Amino acid sequence: QVHLVESGGGLVQAGGSLRLSCAASGRTFSNYYMGWFRQAPGKERELVSAISWSGDSTYYADSVKGRFTISRDNAKNTVYLQMNSLKPEDTAVYYCSVAPWVYWGQGTQVTVSS
């Protein structure tokens, strides 16, 4: 059983920064992509960013390119999402997941005020 625990969300003003963390446990995550999704009220869950096991390959949604940075520490089975220049439209519950995106954490709320 895969267990994912997100943390680091909160309330921040537009232009501010937050760093999300996701600790994974329950199995080995070697060779698996890990990613961050978000879901705003009334919207579908969307993939925000993903990173390969080695970290050599990353993906960012167009809406966050240049502002968010994903990273991972395989020794700690942890993936991070550094979010800078936050905008009100970034407000959502953020979830981490492991490919093929069938396991989910409880999510962490990010609220950006204007």
Protein backbone atom coordinates (compact mmCIF):
# COMPACT_ATOMS: atom_id res chain seq x y z
CA GLN A 1 0.00 0.00 0.00
CA VAL A 2 1.38 3.37 -1.03
CA HIS A 3 1.06 6.17 1.49
CA LEU A 4 1.53 9.80 0.47
CA VAL A 5 1.53 12.74 2.87
CA GLU A 6 1.57 16.30 1.57
CA SER A 7 2.49 19.35 3.62
CA GLY A 8 3.47 22.97 3.22
CA GLY A 9 0.25 24.54 2.02
CA GLY A 10 -1.19 27.70 3.46
CA LEU A 11 -2.44 31.20 2.85
CA VAL A 12 -0.13 33.58 1.01
CA GLN A 13 -0.48 36.90 -0.76
CA ALA A 14 -0.13 37.18 -4.50
CA GLY A 15 3.54 37.26 -5.43
CA GLY A 16 4.52 35.15 -2.46
CA SER A 17 6.06 31.70 -2.28
CA LEU A 18 5.33 28.32 -0.76
CA ARG A 19 7.18 25.03 -0.76
CA LEU A 20 5.15 21.85 -0.78
CA SER A 21 6.54 18.52 0.36
CA CYS A 22 5.26 15.00 -0.21
CA ALA A 23 6.61 12.06 1.74
CA ALA A 24 5.98 8.69 0.16
CA SER A 25 6.13 5.27 1.77
CA GLY A 26 4.94 1.74 1.30
CA ARG A 27 7.06 0.54 -1.57
CA THR A 28 10.09 1.39 -3.63
CA PHE A 29 9.65 4.31 -5.97
CA SER A 30 12.61 3.53 -8.16
CA ASN A 31 12.02 4.29 -11.82
CA TYR A 32 8.67 5.95 -11.15
CA TYR A 33 7.68 9.46 -12.01
CA MET A 34 6.21 11.47 -9.17
CA GLY A 35 4.02 14.46 -9.68
CA TRP A 36 1.91 17.23 -8.27
CA PHE A 37 -1.70 17.78 -9.23
CA ARG A 38 -4.14 20.44 -8.14
CA GLN A 39 -7.88 20.78 -8.02
CA ALA A 40 -9.69 24.06 -7.68
CA PRO A 41 -13.37 24.24 -6.67
CA GLY A 42 -15.60 23.24 -9.55
CA LYS A 43 -12.68 22.19 -11.74
CA GLU A 44 -11.10 18.91 -12.69
CA ARG A 45 -7.86 17.76 -11.13
CA GLU A 46 -4.95 18.77 -13.34
CA LEU A 47 -1.32 17.76 -13.55
CA VAL A 48 0.87 20.67 -12.51
CA SER A 49 4.31 19.13 -12.62
CA ALA A 50 6.07 15.78 -12.74
CA ILE A 51 9.62 14.52 -12.35
CA SER A 52 11.41 11.35 -13.34
CA TRP A 53 13.25 9.13 -10.90
CA SER A 54 16.60 10.61 -11.87
CA GLY A 55 15.29 14.14 -11.99
CA ASP A 56 16.55 14.52 -15.54
CA SER A 57 13.07 14.77 -16.98
CA THR A 58 10.48 17.24 -15.75
CA TYR A 59 7.11 18.45 -16.91
CA TYR A 60 5.34 21.69 -16.10
CA ALA A 61 1.89 22.86 -17.06
CA ASP A 62 2.04 26.02 -19.14
CA SER A 63 0.30 27.94 -16.38
CA VAL A 64 3.17 27.38 -13.93
CA LYS A 65 6.25 27.34 -16.15
CA GLY A 66 8.92 29.68 -14.89
CA ARG A 67 7.27 29.98 -11.48
CA PHE A 68 7.19 26.46 -10.04
CA THR A 69 10.10 24.06 -9.63
CA ILE A 70 9.75 20.36 -8.86
CA SER A 71 12.49 18.33 -7.23
CA ARG A 72 12.86 15.05 -5.38
CA ASP A 73 15.07 13.44 -2.78
CA ASN A 74 15.05 9.71 -3.50
CA ALA A 75 16.88 8.87 -0.29
CA LYS A 76 13.93 10.35 1.59
CA ASN A 77 11.23 9.27 -0.89
CA THR A 78 10.14 12.88 -0.94
CA VAL A 79 9.10 15.17 -3.76
CA TYR A 80 8.95 18.95 -3.46
CA LEU A 81 7.21 21.74 -5.31
CA GLN A 82 8.68 25.21 -4.92
CA MET A 83 6.04 27.73 -5.92
CA ASN A 84 7.09 31.32 -6.53
CA SER A 85 5.24 34.37 -7.83
CA LEU A 86 1.98 32.83 -6.75
CA LYS A 87 -1.25 34.07 -8.30
CA PRO A 88 -4.84 33.89 -7.06
CA GLU A 89 -5.55 31.39 -9.83
CA ASP A 90 -3.07 29.01 -8.19
CA THR A 91 -5.54 28.57 -5.34
CA ALA A 92 -6.42 24.87 -5.09
CA VAL A 93 -5.91 21.70 -3.16
CA TYR A 94 -2.56 20.27 -4.19
CA TYR A 95 -2.03 16.52 -4.31
CA CYS A 96 1.05 14.45 -4.95
CA SER A 97 0.98 11.13 -6.71
CA VAL A 98 3.14 8.37 -8.13
CA ALA A 99 2.84 7.22 -11.71
CA PRO A 100 0.56 5.85 -13.01
CA TRP A 101 -1.35 8.30 -10.82
CA VAL A 102 -3.58 5.88 -8.96
CA TYR A 103 -2.31 6.68 -5.47
CA TRP A 104 -3.13 9.99 -3.82
CA GLY A 105 -2.37 11.82 -0.63
CA GLN A 106 -4.94 13.77 1.37
CA GLY A 107 -3.93 17.02 -0.29
CA THR A 108 -2.80 20.35 1.06
CA GLN A 109 -4.71 23.59 0.59
CA VAL A 110 -2.99 26.51 -1.11
CA THR A 111 -4.81 29.82 -1.00
CA VAL A 112 -3.42 32.90 -2.72
CA SER A 113 -5.05 36.19 -1.87
CA SER A 114 -5.05 39.15 -4.24
